[in-house]
Amino acid sequence: MQAKTLHIRHLGNQDYETVWHAMQHYTDNRDEHSPDQLWLVEHPPVFTQGQAGKAEHILAPGDIPVIQVDRGGQVTYHGPGQLVAYPLLDIKRSKIGVRQLVTHIEQSIVDMLKGYGINAYAKADAPGVYVDERKVASLGLRIRRGCSFHGLALNVDMDISPFQRINPCGYAGLEMVQCKTLGGPQTVEEAADKLTQSFCKLLGYEHLVHHQGLAE
């Protein structure tokens, strides 16, 4: 049996809309032979509002742009020092459901943080990963034609004050926390490496192919 392969794209710091449209393009044009990919990126400051998003959860965005996007969930914040990971997976081919994919993504973060002695956990009623009721990672997916895009955002070493300008993920007063404060990975690069290992182990990817940038 052929080893399950995952192509990993290291995108550095990239504009949100550029990466979003590239994800849509890849998903819309892939076929049954297209490889699964994991895109790792940091974004300049931006608020993104999911399809179910309610305007009242955007309290005072100020000079940070707000973009309406086609993922699930409510409003969240992306900024430098946060690891954003986009799994572009053919879940139909892998025979996993959406709920199972969400669980695997959450568990990969939990397992990664456990390696640092951090007791993180997921919640059944509020997607993402938490430590002592503070949120360290947010999650929002879209499934189209049996394939996933969008993904997770892990707070590593960032300015988390912009989260106070919104109700994160629709929860008023939800406190955010980051890896550096918790004694977890100290850099986005370290977090990306550890999370990739954890993610691949859980989803059964045995062969990894690394790329720099968006271009094929």
N, C-alpha and C. Protein backbone atom coordinates (compact mmCIF):
# COMPACT_ATOMS: atom_id res chain seq x y z
N MET A 1 0.83 -1.19 0.00
CA MET A 1 0.00 0.00 0.00
C MET A 1 0.88 1.26 0.00
N GLN A 2 0.49 2.24 -0.82
CA GLN A 2 1.28 3.46 -0.95
C GLN A 2 1.18 4.29 0.32
N ALA A 3 2.35 4.86 0.74
CA ALA A 3 2.37 5.71 1.94
C ALA A 3 1.51 6.94 1.72
N LYS A 4 0.74 7.31 2.73
CA LYS A 4 -0.11 8.48 2.65
C LYS A 4 0.76 9.73 2.71
N THR A 5 0.64 10.59 1.70
CA THR A 5 1.55 11.73 1.54
C THR A 5 0.84 13.05 1.83
N LEU A 6 1.55 13.95 2.52
CA LEU A 6 1.06 15.30 2.78
C LEU A 6 2.09 16.31 2.30
N HIS A 7 1.66 17.23 1.45
CA HIS A 7 2.54 18.31 0.99
C HIS A 7 2.39 19.49 1.95
N ILE A 8 3.50 19.97 2.48
CA ILE A 8 3.48 21.05 3.46
C ILE A 8 4.06 22.31 2.82
N ARG A 9 3.26 23.36 2.82
CA ARG A 9 3.69 24.63 2.22
C ARG A 9 4.01 25.64 3.33
N HIS A 10 5.25 26.11 3.34
CA HIS A 10 5.70 27.11 4.31
C HIS A 10 5.59 28.48 3.62
N LEU A 11 4.59 29.25 4.01
CA LEU A 11 4.27 30.47 3.27
C LEU A 11 4.85 31.74 3.89
N GLY A 12 5.42 31.64 5.09
CA GLY A 12 5.95 32.84 5.74
C GLY A 12 4.81 33.78 6.14
N ASN A 13 5.03 35.09 5.98
CA ASN A 13 4.00 36.09 6.31
C ASN A 13 3.33 36.52 5.02
N GLN A 14 2.03 36.23 4.90
CA GLN A 14 1.31 36.49 3.65
C GLN A 14 -0.03 37.17 3.92
N ASP A 15 -0.40 38.05 3.02
CA ASP A 15 -1.69 38.71 3.06
C ASP A 15 -2.83 37.69 3.13
N TYR A 16 -3.81 37.95 3.99
CA TYR A 16 -4.89 36.98 4.21
C TYR A 16 -5.65 36.67 2.93
N GLU A 17 -6.08 37.71 2.21
CA GLU A 17 -6.94 37.49 1.04
C GLU A 17 -6.23 36.70 -0.06
N THR A 18 -4.94 36.95 -0.21
CA THR A 18 -4.15 36.21 -1.22
C THR A 18 -4.20 34.71 -0.93
N VAL A 19 -3.96 34.36 0.33
CA VAL A 19 -3.94 32.94 0.72
C VAL A 19 -5.35 32.34 0.66
N TRP A 20 -6.33 33.09 1.10
CA TRP A 20 -7.72 32.62 1.05
C TRP A 20 -8.13 32.27 -0.38
N HIS A 21 -7.87 33.17 -1.32
CA HIS A 21 -8.26 32.91 -2.71
C HIS A 21 -7.45 31.76 -3.32
N ALA A 22 -6.20 31.63 -2.90
CA ALA A 22 -5.39 30.50 -3.38
C ALA A 22 -5.95 29.16 -2.85
N MET A 23 -6.44 29.16 -1.60
CA MET A 23 -7.07 27.96 -1.05
C MET A 23 -8.32 27.59 -1.83
N GLN A 24 -9.14 28.60 -2.14
CA GLN A 24 -10.35 28.36 -2.92
C GLN A 24 -9.99 27.78 -4.29
N HIS A 25 -8.97 28.36 -4.90
CA HIS A 25 -8.56 27.93 -6.24
C HIS A 25 -8.09 26.47 -6.22
N TYR A 26 -7.28 26.15 -5.20
CA TYR A 26 -6.77 24.77 -5.11
C TYR A 26 -7.92 23.79 -4.91
N THR A 27 -8.85 24.15 -4.03
CA THR A 27 -9.98 23.27 -3.71
C THR A 27 -10.89 23.08 -4.92
N ASP A 28 -11.14 24.17 -5.65
CA ASP A 28 -12.06 24.11 -6.80
C ASP A 28 -11.46 23.35 -7.98
N ASN A 29 -10.14 23.30 -8.05
CA ASN A 29 -9.49 22.71 -9.23
C ASN A 29 -8.83 21.36 -8.97
N ARG A 30 -8.89 20.89 -7.72
CA ARG A 30 -8.25 19.61 -7.43
C ARG A 30 -9.11 18.47 -7.95
N ASP A 31 -8.46 17.31 -8.17
CA ASP A 31 -9.21 16.11 -8.57
C ASP A 31 -8.81 14.97 -7.63
N GLU A 32 -9.23 13.76 -7.98
CA GLU A 32 -8.99 12.64 -7.05
C GLU A 32 -7.52 12.30 -6.88
N HIS A 33 -6.67 12.84 -7.78
CA HIS A 33 -5.23 12.57 -7.67
C HIS A 33 -4.45 13.70 -7.00
N SER A 34 -5.11 14.82 -6.74
CA SER A 34 -4.41 15.98 -6.15
C SER A 34 -3.96 15.67 -4.73
N PRO A 35 -2.73 16.04 -4.40
CA PRO A 35 -2.23 15.71 -3.06
C PRO A 35 -2.91 16.54 -1.97
N ASP A 36 -3.06 15.95 -0.79
CA ASP A 36 -3.47 16.71 0.38
C ASP A 36 -2.32 17.65 0.76
N GLN A 37 -2.69 18.83 1.25
CA GLN A 37 -1.68 19.83 1.60
C GLN A 37 -1.98 20.44 2.96
N LEU A 38 -0.92 20.91 3.62
CA LEU A 38 -1.05 21.68 4.86
C LEU A 38 -0.27 22.96 4.65
N TRP A 39 -0.98 24.09 4.68
CA TRP A 39 -0.34 25.40 4.49
C TRP A 39 -0.10 26.04 5.84
N LEU A 40 1.13 26.50 6.06
CA LEU A 40 1.53 27.12 7.32
C LEU A 40 1.89 28.58 7.05
N VAL A 41 1.26 29.50 7.77
CA VAL A 41 1.39 30.92 7.41
C VAL A 41 1.17 31.81 8.62
N GLU A 42 1.71 33.02 8.56
CA GLU A 42 1.34 34.10 9.47
C GLU A 42 0.67 35.18 8.62
N HIS A 43 -0.30 35.89 9.20
CA HIS A 43 -0.97 36.96 8.48
C HIS A 43 -0.72 38.31 9.15
N PRO A 44 -0.65 39.39 8.35
CA PRO A 44 -0.70 40.73 8.95
C PRO A 44 -2.04 40.91 9.67
N PRO A 45 -2.16 41.88 10.57
CA PRO A 45 -3.38 42.02 11.38
C PRO A 45 -4.66 42.09 10.54
N VAL A 46 -5.62 41.23 10.88
CA VAL A 46 -6.90 41.18 10.16
C VAL A 46 -7.94 40.48 11.03
N PHE A 47 -9.17 40.98 11.00
CA PHE A 47 -10.30 40.26 11.58
C PHE A 47 -11.01 39.54 10.44
N THR A 48 -11.37 38.27 10.65
CA THR A 48 -12.15 37.55 9.65
C THR A 48 -13.47 37.12 10.27
N GLN A 49 -14.54 37.34 9.53
CA GLN A 49 -15.89 37.06 10.00
C GLN A 49 -16.45 35.87 9.23
N GLY A 50 -16.77 34.78 9.94
CA GLY A 50 -17.29 33.58 9.31
C GLY A 50 -18.71 33.75 8.79
N GLN A 51 -19.20 32.73 8.10
CA GLN A 51 -20.51 32.80 7.46
C GLN A 51 -21.66 33.02 8.44
N ALA A 52 -21.51 32.47 9.63
CA ALA A 52 -22.56 32.63 10.65
C ALA A 52 -22.34 33.88 11.49
N GLY A 53 -21.32 34.64 11.14
CA GLY A 53 -20.89 35.77 11.97
C GLY A 53 -21.95 36.85 12.12
N LYS A 54 -22.03 37.38 13.34
CA LYS A 54 -22.98 38.46 13.63
C LYS A 54 -22.20 39.75 13.86
N ALA A 55 -22.69 40.81 13.25
CA ALA A 55 -21.98 42.10 13.29
C ALA A 55 -21.75 42.59 14.71
N GLU A 56 -22.67 42.25 15.64
CA GLU A 56 -22.52 42.79 17.00
C GLU A 56 -21.30 42.23 17.74
N HIS A 57 -20.70 41.16 17.20
CA HIS A 57 -19.51 40.61 17.85
C HIS A 57 -18.23 41.36 17.45
N ILE A 58 -18.35 42.26 16.48
CA ILE A 58 -17.22 43.13 16.11
C ILE A 58 -17.42 44.44 16.85
N LEU A 59 -16.68 44.63 17.94
CA LEU A 59 -16.96 45.72 18.87
C LEU A 59 -16.33 47.04 18.41
N ALA A 60 -15.02 47.00 18.16
CA ALA A 60 -14.30 48.23 17.80
C ALA A 60 -13.07 47.88 16.98
N PRO A 61 -13.25 47.54 15.70
CA PRO A 61 -12.11 47.06 14.91
C PRO A 61 -11.02 48.10 14.68
N GLY A 62 -11.39 49.39 14.74
CA GLY A 62 -10.38 50.44 14.56
C GLY A 62 -9.73 50.36 13.20
N ASP A 63 -8.40 50.36 13.18
CA ASP A 63 -7.67 50.39 11.91
C ASP A 63 -7.40 49.00 11.34
N ILE A 64 -7.89 47.96 12.00
CA ILE A 64 -7.65 46.58 11.51
C ILE A 64 -8.79 46.20 10.57
N PRO A 65 -8.49 45.77 9.33
CA PRO A 65 -9.56 45.44 8.40
C PRO A 65 -10.40 44.25 8.85
N VAL A 66 -11.67 44.25 8.44
CA VAL A 66 -12.59 43.14 8.70
C VAL A 66 -12.96 42.53 7.35
N ILE A 67 -12.75 41.23 7.20
CA ILE A 67 -13.04 40.55 5.94
C ILE A 67 -14.10 39.48 6.16
N GLN A 68 -15.15 39.51 5.35
CA GLN A 68 -16.20 38.47 5.38
C GLN A 68 -15.70 37.27 4.58
N VAL A 69 -15.68 36.10 5.21
CA VAL A 69 -15.11 34.92 4.53
C VAL A 69 -16.09 33.75 4.53
N ASP A 70 -15.71 32.69 3.80
CA ASP A 70 -16.62 31.57 3.56
C ASP A 70 -16.34 30.35 4.43
N ARG A 71 -15.86 30.59 5.66
CA ARG A 71 -15.66 29.47 6.59
C ARG A 71 -16.79 29.47 7.60
N GLY A 72 -16.86 28.40 8.39
CA GLY A 72 -17.79 28.35 9.49
C GLY A 72 -17.32 29.25 10.63
N GLY A 73 -18.21 29.47 11.58
CA GLY A 73 -17.80 30.17 12.80
C GLY A 73 -18.03 31.67 12.75
N GLN A 74 -17.65 32.31 13.84
CA GLN A 74 -17.85 33.75 14.03
C GLN A 74 -16.54 34.49 13.75
N VAL A 75 -16.41 35.66 14.35
CA VAL A 75 -15.26 36.51 14.08
C VAL A 75 -14.04 36.05 14.87
N THR A 76 -12.85 36.18 14.25
CA THR A 76 -11.60 35.94 14.96
C THR A 76 -10.56 36.92 14.46
N TYR A 77 -9.39 36.88 15.10
CA TYR A 77 -8.29 37.79 14.76
C TYR A 77 -7.08 36.98 14.33
N HIS A 78 -6.40 37.45 13.28
CA HIS A 78 -5.10 36.90 12.89
C HIS A 78 -4.07 38.03 12.93
N GLY A 79 -2.87 37.69 13.36
CA GLY A 79 -1.80 38.68 13.38
C GLY A 79 -0.44 38.01 13.48
N PRO A 80 0.64 38.78 13.30
CA PRO A 80 2.00 38.23 13.39
C PRO A 80 2.22 37.55 14.75
N GLY A 81 2.94 36.43 14.72
CA GLY A 81 3.18 35.68 15.95
C GLY A 81 2.13 34.63 16.23
N GLN A 82 1.17 34.50 15.31
CA GLN A 82 0.15 33.46 15.41
C GLN A 82 0.39 32.48 14.26
N LEU A 83 0.41 31.18 14.57
CA LEU A 83 0.54 30.16 13.54
C LEU A 83 -0.85 29.85 12.99
N VAL A 84 -1.01 30.06 11.68
CA VAL A 84 -2.25 29.68 11.02
C VAL A 84 -1.93 28.48 10.13
N ALA A 85 -2.70 27.42 10.29
CA ALA A 85 -2.48 26.18 9.54
C ALA A 85 -3.75 25.81 8.80
N TYR A 86 -3.63 25.66 7.49
CA TYR A 86 -4.77 25.36 6.64
C TYR A 86 -4.64 23.95 6.07
N PRO A 87 -5.41 22.98 6.57
CA PRO A 87 -5.38 21.63 5.98
C PRO A 87 -6.31 21.57 4.75
N LEU A 88 -5.71 21.36 3.60
CA LEU A 88 -6.46 21.21 2.35
C LEU A 88 -6.50 19.72 2.03
N LEU A 89 -7.52 19.06 2.57
CA LEU A 89 -7.57 17.60 2.56
C LEU A 89 -8.80 17.10 1.79
N ASP A 90 -8.62 16.00 1.09
CA ASP A 90 -9.75 15.31 0.45
C ASP A 90 -10.30 14.34 1.49
N ILE A 91 -11.28 14.81 2.28
CA ILE A 91 -11.76 13.97 3.39
C ILE A 91 -12.63 12.82 2.88
N LYS A 92 -13.20 13.01 1.71
CA LYS A 92 -13.99 11.93 1.11
C LYS A 92 -13.07 10.76 0.77
N ARG A 93 -11.91 11.09 0.19
CA ARG A 93 -10.92 10.07 -0.17
C ARG A 93 -10.38 9.37 1.09
N SER A 94 -10.20 10.15 2.14
CA SER A 94 -9.67 9.60 3.39
C SER A 94 -10.73 8.90 4.23
N LYS A 95 -12.01 9.04 3.77
CA LYS A 95 -13.13 8.41 4.48
C LYS A 95 -13.25 8.89 5.93
N ILE A 96 -13.09 10.20 6.11
CA ILE A 96 -13.36 10.77 7.44
C ILE A 96 -14.43 11.85 7.30
N GLY A 97 -15.22 12.01 8.34
CA GLY A 97 -16.28 13.02 8.34
C GLY A 97 -15.76 14.35 8.85
N VAL A 98 -16.59 15.37 8.72
CA VAL A 98 -16.20 16.72 9.13
C VAL A 98 -15.95 16.76 10.63
N ARG A 99 -16.85 16.17 11.41
CA ARG A 99 -16.69 16.19 12.87
C ARG A 99 -15.39 15.49 13.27
N GLN A 100 -15.09 14.40 12.57
CA GLN A 100 -13.85 13.65 12.87
C GLN A 100 -12.62 14.50 12.53
N LEU A 101 -12.69 15.24 11.42
CA LEU A 101 -11.57 16.11 11.05
C LEU A 101 -11.37 17.19 12.11
N VAL A 102 -12.45 17.81 12.56
CA VAL A 102 -12.36 18.83 13.60
C VAL A 102 -11.72 18.25 14.86
N THR A 103 -12.17 17.06 15.24
CA THR A 103 -11.61 16.39 16.43
C THR A 103 -10.12 16.12 16.26
N HIS A 104 -9.73 15.65 15.07
CA HIS A 104 -8.30 15.38 14.81
C HIS A 104 -7.47 16.66 14.90
N ILE A 105 -7.98 17.75 14.34
CA ILE A 105 -7.24 19.02 14.38
C ILE A 105 -7.09 19.49 15.83
N GLU A 106 -8.19 19.47 16.57
CA GLU A 106 -8.12 19.87 17.99
C GLU A 106 -7.17 18.97 18.77
N GLN A 107 -7.27 17.67 18.53
CA GLN A 107 -6.44 16.72 19.27
C GLN A 107 -4.96 16.88 18.94
N SER A 108 -4.66 17.26 17.69
CA SER A 108 -3.25 17.44 17.32
C SER A 108 -2.64 18.61 18.10
N ILE A 109 -3.44 19.65 18.38
CA ILE A 109 -2.95 20.77 19.20
C ILE A 109 -2.81 20.33 20.66
N VAL A 110 -3.83 19.61 21.16
CA VAL A 110 -3.78 19.10 22.53
C VAL A 110 -2.54 18.23 22.75
N ASP A 111 -2.30 17.31 21.81
CA ASP A 111 -1.14 16.40 21.92
C ASP A 111 0.17 17.17 21.86
N MET A 112 0.24 18.15 20.96
CA MET A 112 1.46 18.96 20.84
C MET A 112 1.76 19.70 22.13
N LEU A 113 0.74 20.32 22.73
CA LEU A 113 0.94 21.07 23.98
C LEU A 113 1.24 20.15 25.16
N LYS A 114 0.70 18.94 25.11
CA LYS A 114 0.98 17.96 26.16
C LYS A 114 2.48 17.67 26.25
N GLY A 115 3.14 17.71 25.09
CA GLY A 115 4.59 17.50 25.05
C GLY A 115 5.37 18.56 25.82
N TYR A 116 4.72 19.69 26.09
CA TYR A 116 5.33 20.77 26.88
C TYR A 116 4.80 20.78 28.32
N GLY A 117 4.03 19.74 28.68
CA GLY A 117 3.48 19.68 30.03
C GLY A 117 2.27 20.58 30.23
N ILE A 118 1.60 20.96 29.12
CA ILE A 118 0.44 21.85 29.19
C ILE A 118 -0.83 21.01 29.04
N ASN A 119 -1.74 21.18 29.98
CA ASN A 119 -3.00 20.43 29.95
C ASN A 119 -4.04 21.22 29.15
N ALA A 120 -4.10 20.97 27.86
CA ALA A 120 -5.06 21.64 26.98
C ALA A 120 -6.21 20.68 26.68
N TYR A 121 -7.34 21.23 26.23
CA TYR A 121 -8.51 20.38 25.96
C TYR A 121 -9.42 21.08 24.95
N ALA A 122 -10.25 20.27 24.29
CA ALA A 122 -11.28 20.78 23.40
C ALA A 122 -12.61 20.81 24.14
N LYS A 123 -13.59 21.51 23.58
CA LYS A 123 -14.93 21.56 24.16
C LYS A 123 -15.93 21.12 23.10
N ALA A 124 -16.91 20.34 23.52
CA ALA A 124 -17.91 19.83 22.58
C ALA A 124 -18.75 20.95 21.96
N ASP A 125 -19.00 21.99 22.75
CA ASP A 125 -19.94 23.04 22.30
C ASP A 125 -19.26 24.29 21.76
N ALA A 126 -17.93 24.33 21.77
CA ALA A 126 -17.22 25.55 21.34
C ALA A 126 -15.89 25.15 20.71
N PRO A 127 -15.85 25.00 19.36
CA PRO A 127 -14.64 24.53 18.69
C PRO A 127 -13.40 25.34 19.06
N GLY A 128 -12.27 24.66 19.08
CA GLY A 128 -11.02 25.30 19.46
C GLY A 128 -10.36 24.52 20.58
N VAL A 129 -9.26 25.08 21.09
CA VAL A 129 -8.50 24.42 22.16
C VAL A 129 -8.29 25.42 23.30
N TYR A 130 -8.45 24.92 24.52
CA TYR A 130 -8.46 25.78 25.71
C TYR A 130 -7.46 25.27 26.75
N VAL A 131 -6.98 26.23 27.56
CA VAL A 131 -6.15 25.91 28.73
C VAL A 131 -6.71 26.75 29.88
N ASP A 132 -7.18 26.09 30.93
CA ASP A 132 -7.78 26.81 32.08
C ASP A 132 -8.86 27.80 31.62
N GLU A 133 -9.72 27.34 30.71
CA GLU A 133 -10.85 28.14 30.20
C GLU A 133 -10.42 29.35 29.35
N ARG A 134 -9.14 29.44 29.05
CA ARG A 134 -8.67 30.49 28.14
C ARG A 134 -8.37 29.82 26.79
N LYS A 135 -8.65 30.53 25.72
CA LYS A 135 -8.54 29.92 24.40
C LYS A 135 -7.15 30.15 23.79
N VAL A 136 -6.49 29.06 23.40
CA VAL A 136 -5.15 29.16 22.80
C VAL A 136 -5.19 28.94 21.30
N ALA A 137 -6.25 28.28 20.80
CA ALA A 137 -6.36 28.02 19.36
C ALA A 137 -7.81 28.11 18.91
N SER A 138 -8.03 28.72 17.75
CA SER A 138 -9.36 28.85 17.17
C SER A 138 -9.45 27.98 15.92
N LEU A 139 -10.69 27.64 15.54
CA LEU A 139 -10.88 26.69 14.46
C LEU A 139 -12.09 27.09 13.62
N GLY A 140 -11.93 27.06 12.31
CA GLY A 140 -13.05 27.33 11.41
C GLY A 140 -12.77 26.70 10.06
N LEU A 141 -13.65 25.82 9.61
CA LEU A 141 -13.42 25.07 8.37
C LEU A 141 -14.50 25.34 7.34
N ARG A 142 -14.19 25.00 6.12
CA ARG A 142 -15.19 24.94 5.04
C ARG A 142 -14.93 23.63 4.29
N ILE A 143 -16.00 22.93 3.97
CA ILE A 143 -15.91 21.71 3.16
C ILE A 143 -16.62 21.98 1.84
N ARG A 144 -15.91 21.75 0.74
CA ARG A 144 -16.49 21.92 -0.58
C ARG A 144 -16.07 20.73 -1.44
N ARG A 145 -17.06 20.09 -2.06
CA ARG A 145 -16.79 18.93 -2.93
C ARG A 145 -16.00 17.85 -2.18
N GLY A 146 -16.32 17.67 -0.91
CA GLY A 146 -15.66 16.64 -0.11
C GLY A 146 -14.25 16.98 0.32
N CYS A 147 -13.86 18.26 0.17
CA CYS A 147 -12.49 18.68 0.52
C CYS A 147 -12.53 19.86 1.49
N SER A 148 -11.56 19.89 2.39
CA SER A 148 -11.52 20.93 3.42
C SER A 148 -10.59 22.07 3.03
N PHE A 149 -10.96 23.28 3.48
CA PHE A 149 -10.02 24.39 3.48
C PHE A 149 -10.35 25.31 4.66
N HIS A 150 -9.64 26.41 4.79
CA HIS A 150 -9.56 27.17 6.05
C HIS A 150 -8.92 26.25 7.10
N GLY A 151 -9.04 26.58 8.40
CA GLY A 151 -8.33 25.71 9.35
C GLY A 151 -8.23 26.27 10.74
N LEU A 152 -7.00 26.29 11.29
CA LEU A 152 -6.80 26.63 12.69
C LEU A 152 -5.84 27.80 12.85
N ALA A 153 -5.98 28.48 13.98
CA ALA A 153 -5.07 29.58 14.34
C ALA A 153 -4.61 29.36 15.77
N LEU A 154 -3.31 29.18 15.95
CA LEU A 154 -2.71 28.92 17.26
C LEU A 154 -1.93 30.16 17.71
N ASN A 155 -2.31 30.70 18.86
CA ASN A 155 -1.61 31.87 19.40
C ASN A 155 -0.27 31.43 19.97
N VAL A 156 0.82 31.97 19.41
CA VAL A 156 2.16 31.54 19.84
C VAL A 156 2.87 32.65 20.61
N ASP A 157 3.23 33.73 19.93
CA ASP A 157 3.94 34.84 20.56
C ASP A 157 3.51 36.12 19.84
N MET A 158 2.37 36.65 20.24
CA MET A 158 1.73 37.73 19.49
C MET A 158 1.15 38.78 20.43
N ASP A 159 0.74 39.89 19.86
CA ASP A 159 -0.04 40.89 20.59
C ASP A 159 -1.48 40.40 20.61
N ILE A 160 -1.98 39.98 21.77
CA ILE A 160 -3.35 39.45 21.80
C ILE A 160 -4.37 40.53 22.16
N SER A 161 -3.92 41.78 22.31
CA SER A 161 -4.87 42.84 22.67
C SER A 161 -5.96 43.07 21.62
N PRO A 162 -5.71 42.87 20.29
CA PRO A 162 -6.82 43.06 19.33
C PRO A 162 -8.01 42.15 19.56
N PHE A 163 -7.82 41.03 20.24
CA PHE A 163 -8.96 40.16 20.56
C PHE A 163 -9.99 40.89 21.43
N GLN A 164 -9.52 41.93 22.15
CA GLN A 164 -10.44 42.69 23.01
C GLN A 164 -11.36 43.60 22.19
N ARG A 165 -11.07 43.75 20.90
CA ARG A 165 -11.91 44.58 20.04
C ARG A 165 -13.09 43.79 19.46
N ILE A 166 -13.14 42.49 19.77
CA ILE A 166 -14.20 41.61 19.27
C ILE A 166 -14.68 40.70 20.41
N ASN A 167 -15.80 40.03 20.17
CA ASN A 167 -16.16 38.87 21.00
C ASN A 167 -15.60 37.65 20.28
N PRO A 168 -14.44 37.13 20.71
CA PRO A 168 -13.79 36.07 19.93
C PRO A 168 -14.70 34.86 19.73
N CYS A 169 -14.87 34.49 18.47
CA CYS A 169 -15.70 33.34 18.12
C CYS A 169 -17.14 33.50 18.64
N GLY A 170 -17.55 34.75 18.88
CA GLY A 170 -18.92 35.02 19.32
C GLY A 170 -19.14 34.94 20.81
N TYR A 171 -18.04 34.82 21.58
CA TYR A 171 -18.18 34.70 23.05
C TYR A 171 -17.69 35.97 23.73
N ALA A 172 -18.62 36.72 24.31
CA ALA A 172 -18.25 37.96 25.01
C ALA A 172 -17.36 37.63 26.20
N GLY A 173 -16.26 38.38 26.31
CA GLY A 173 -15.39 38.23 27.47
C GLY A 173 -14.50 37.00 27.45
N LEU A 174 -14.49 36.25 26.33
CA LEU A 174 -13.62 35.07 26.26
C LEU A 174 -12.16 35.51 26.30
N GLU A 175 -11.42 34.96 27.23
CA GLU A 175 -10.02 35.34 27.40
C GLU A 175 -9.14 34.47 26.50
N MET A 176 -8.21 35.12 25.82
CA MET A 176 -7.27 34.41 24.96
C MET A 176 -5.94 34.25 25.71
N VAL A 177 -5.20 33.22 25.32
CA VAL A 177 -3.88 32.99 25.91
C VAL A 177 -2.97 32.49 24.79
N GLN A 178 -1.65 32.52 25.02
CA GLN A 178 -0.74 32.08 23.97
C GLN A 178 0.34 31.15 24.50
N CYS A 179 0.93 30.43 23.56
CA CYS A 179 1.90 29.38 23.91
C CYS A 179 3.07 29.91 24.73
N LYS A 180 3.59 31.08 24.34
CA LYS A 180 4.77 31.61 25.01
C LYS A 180 4.51 31.79 26.50
N THR A 181 3.34 32.32 26.85
CA THR A 181 2.98 32.53 28.25
C THR A 181 2.82 31.21 29.00
N LEU A 182 2.34 30.19 28.29
CA LEU A 182 2.06 28.90 28.92
C LEU A 182 3.30 28.02 29.08
N GLY A 183 4.41 28.44 28.47
CA GLY A 183 5.61 27.59 28.48
C GLY A 183 5.61 26.59 27.34
N GLY A 184 4.83 26.85 26.32
CA GLY A 184 4.80 25.99 25.12
C GLY A 184 5.83 26.45 24.11
N PRO A 185 5.61 26.14 22.82
CA PRO A 185 6.56 26.59 21.79
C PRO A 185 6.70 28.12 21.82
N GLN A 186 7.93 28.58 21.67
CA GLN A 186 8.22 30.01 21.83
C GLN A 186 8.20 30.79 20.51
N THR A 187 8.26 30.08 19.39
CA THR A 187 8.25 30.74 18.09
C THR A 187 7.24 30.05 17.18
N VAL A 188 6.80 30.77 16.15
CA VAL A 188 5.87 30.20 15.18
C VAL A 188 6.52 29.01 14.47
N GLU A 189 7.82 29.11 14.19
CA GLU A 189 8.53 28.02 13.50
C GLU A 189 8.53 26.74 14.33
N GLU A 190 8.80 26.90 15.62
CA GLU A 190 8.81 25.74 16.53
C GLU A 190 7.41 25.13 16.62
N ALA A 191 6.41 26.00 16.76
CA ALA A 191 5.02 25.52 16.84
C ALA A 191 4.62 24.79 15.55
N ALA A 192 5.04 25.34 14.41
CA ALA A 192 4.69 24.73 13.11
C ALA A 192 5.30 23.34 12.99
N ASP A 193 6.54 23.20 13.42
CA ASP A 193 7.23 21.91 13.33
C ASP A 193 6.55 20.88 14.24
N LYS A 194 6.28 21.25 15.47
CA LYS A 194 5.67 20.31 16.43
C LYS A 194 4.24 19.97 16.06
N LEU A 195 3.49 20.98 15.60
CA LEU A 195 2.09 20.74 15.24
C LEU A 195 2.00 19.84 14.00
N THR A 196 2.88 20.06 13.05
CA THR A 196 2.90 19.22 11.84
C THR A 196 3.13 17.76 12.20
N GLN A 197 4.09 17.52 13.10
CA GLN A 197 4.37 16.14 13.54
C GLN A 197 3.13 15.50 14.18
N SER A 198 2.50 16.26 15.07
CA SER A 198 1.32 15.77 15.79
C SER A 198 0.16 15.52 14.83
N PHE A 199 -0.07 16.44 13.91
CA PHE A 199 -1.16 16.35 12.93
C PHE A 199 -0.98 15.13 12.02
N CYS A 200 0.24 14.95 11.54
CA CYS A 200 0.51 13.84 10.61
C CYS A 200 0.37 12.49 11.30
N LYS A 201 0.77 12.43 12.54
CA LYS A 201 0.66 11.18 13.30
C LYS A 201 -0.81 10.80 13.48
N LEU A 202 -1.64 11.77 13.84
CA LEU A 202 -3.06 11.50 14.09
C LEU A 202 -3.80 11.12 12.81
N LEU A 203 -3.46 11.77 11.70
CA LEU A 203 -4.18 11.52 10.45
C LEU A 203 -3.53 10.48 9.56
N GLY A 204 -2.41 9.92 10.03
CA GLY A 204 -1.81 8.80 9.32
C GLY A 204 -1.00 9.16 8.09
N TYR A 205 -0.47 10.40 8.04
CA TYR A 205 0.42 10.76 6.92
C TYR A 205 1.83 10.29 7.25
N GLU A 206 2.37 9.46 6.38
CA GLU A 206 3.70 8.88 6.64
C GLU A 206 4.80 9.58 5.86
N HIS A 207 4.43 10.24 4.76
CA HIS A 207 5.44 10.84 3.88
C HIS A 207 5.13 12.33 3.72
N LEU A 208 6.10 13.17 4.07
CA LEU A 208 5.90 14.62 4.01
C LEU A 208 6.79 15.22 2.92
N VAL A 209 6.21 16.13 2.13
CA VAL A 209 6.95 16.84 1.09
C VAL A 209 6.85 18.32 1.40
N HIS A 210 8.00 18.98 1.59
CA HIS A 210 8.00 20.39 1.99
C HIS A 210 8.21 21.30 0.78
N HIS A 211 7.46 22.43 0.77
CA HIS A 211 7.59 23.44 -0.27
C HIS A 211 7.67 24.81 0.39
N GLN A 212 8.33 25.75 -0.28
CA GLN A 212 8.34 27.15 0.15
C GLN A 212 7.42 27.94 -0.78
N GLY A 213 6.50 28.71 -0.22
CA GLY A 213 5.67 29.59 -1.01
C GLY A 213 4.45 28.91 -1.63
N LEU A 214 3.65 29.74 -2.31
CA LEU A 214 2.38 29.27 -2.89
C LEU A 214 2.55 28.60 -4.23
N ALA A 215 3.52 29.02 -5.01
CA ALA A 215 3.63 28.53 -6.39
C ALA A 215 3.93 27.06 -6.44
N GLU A 216 3.37 26.40 -7.44
CA GLU A 216 3.64 24.96 -7.63
C GLU A 216 5.09 24.77 -8.04
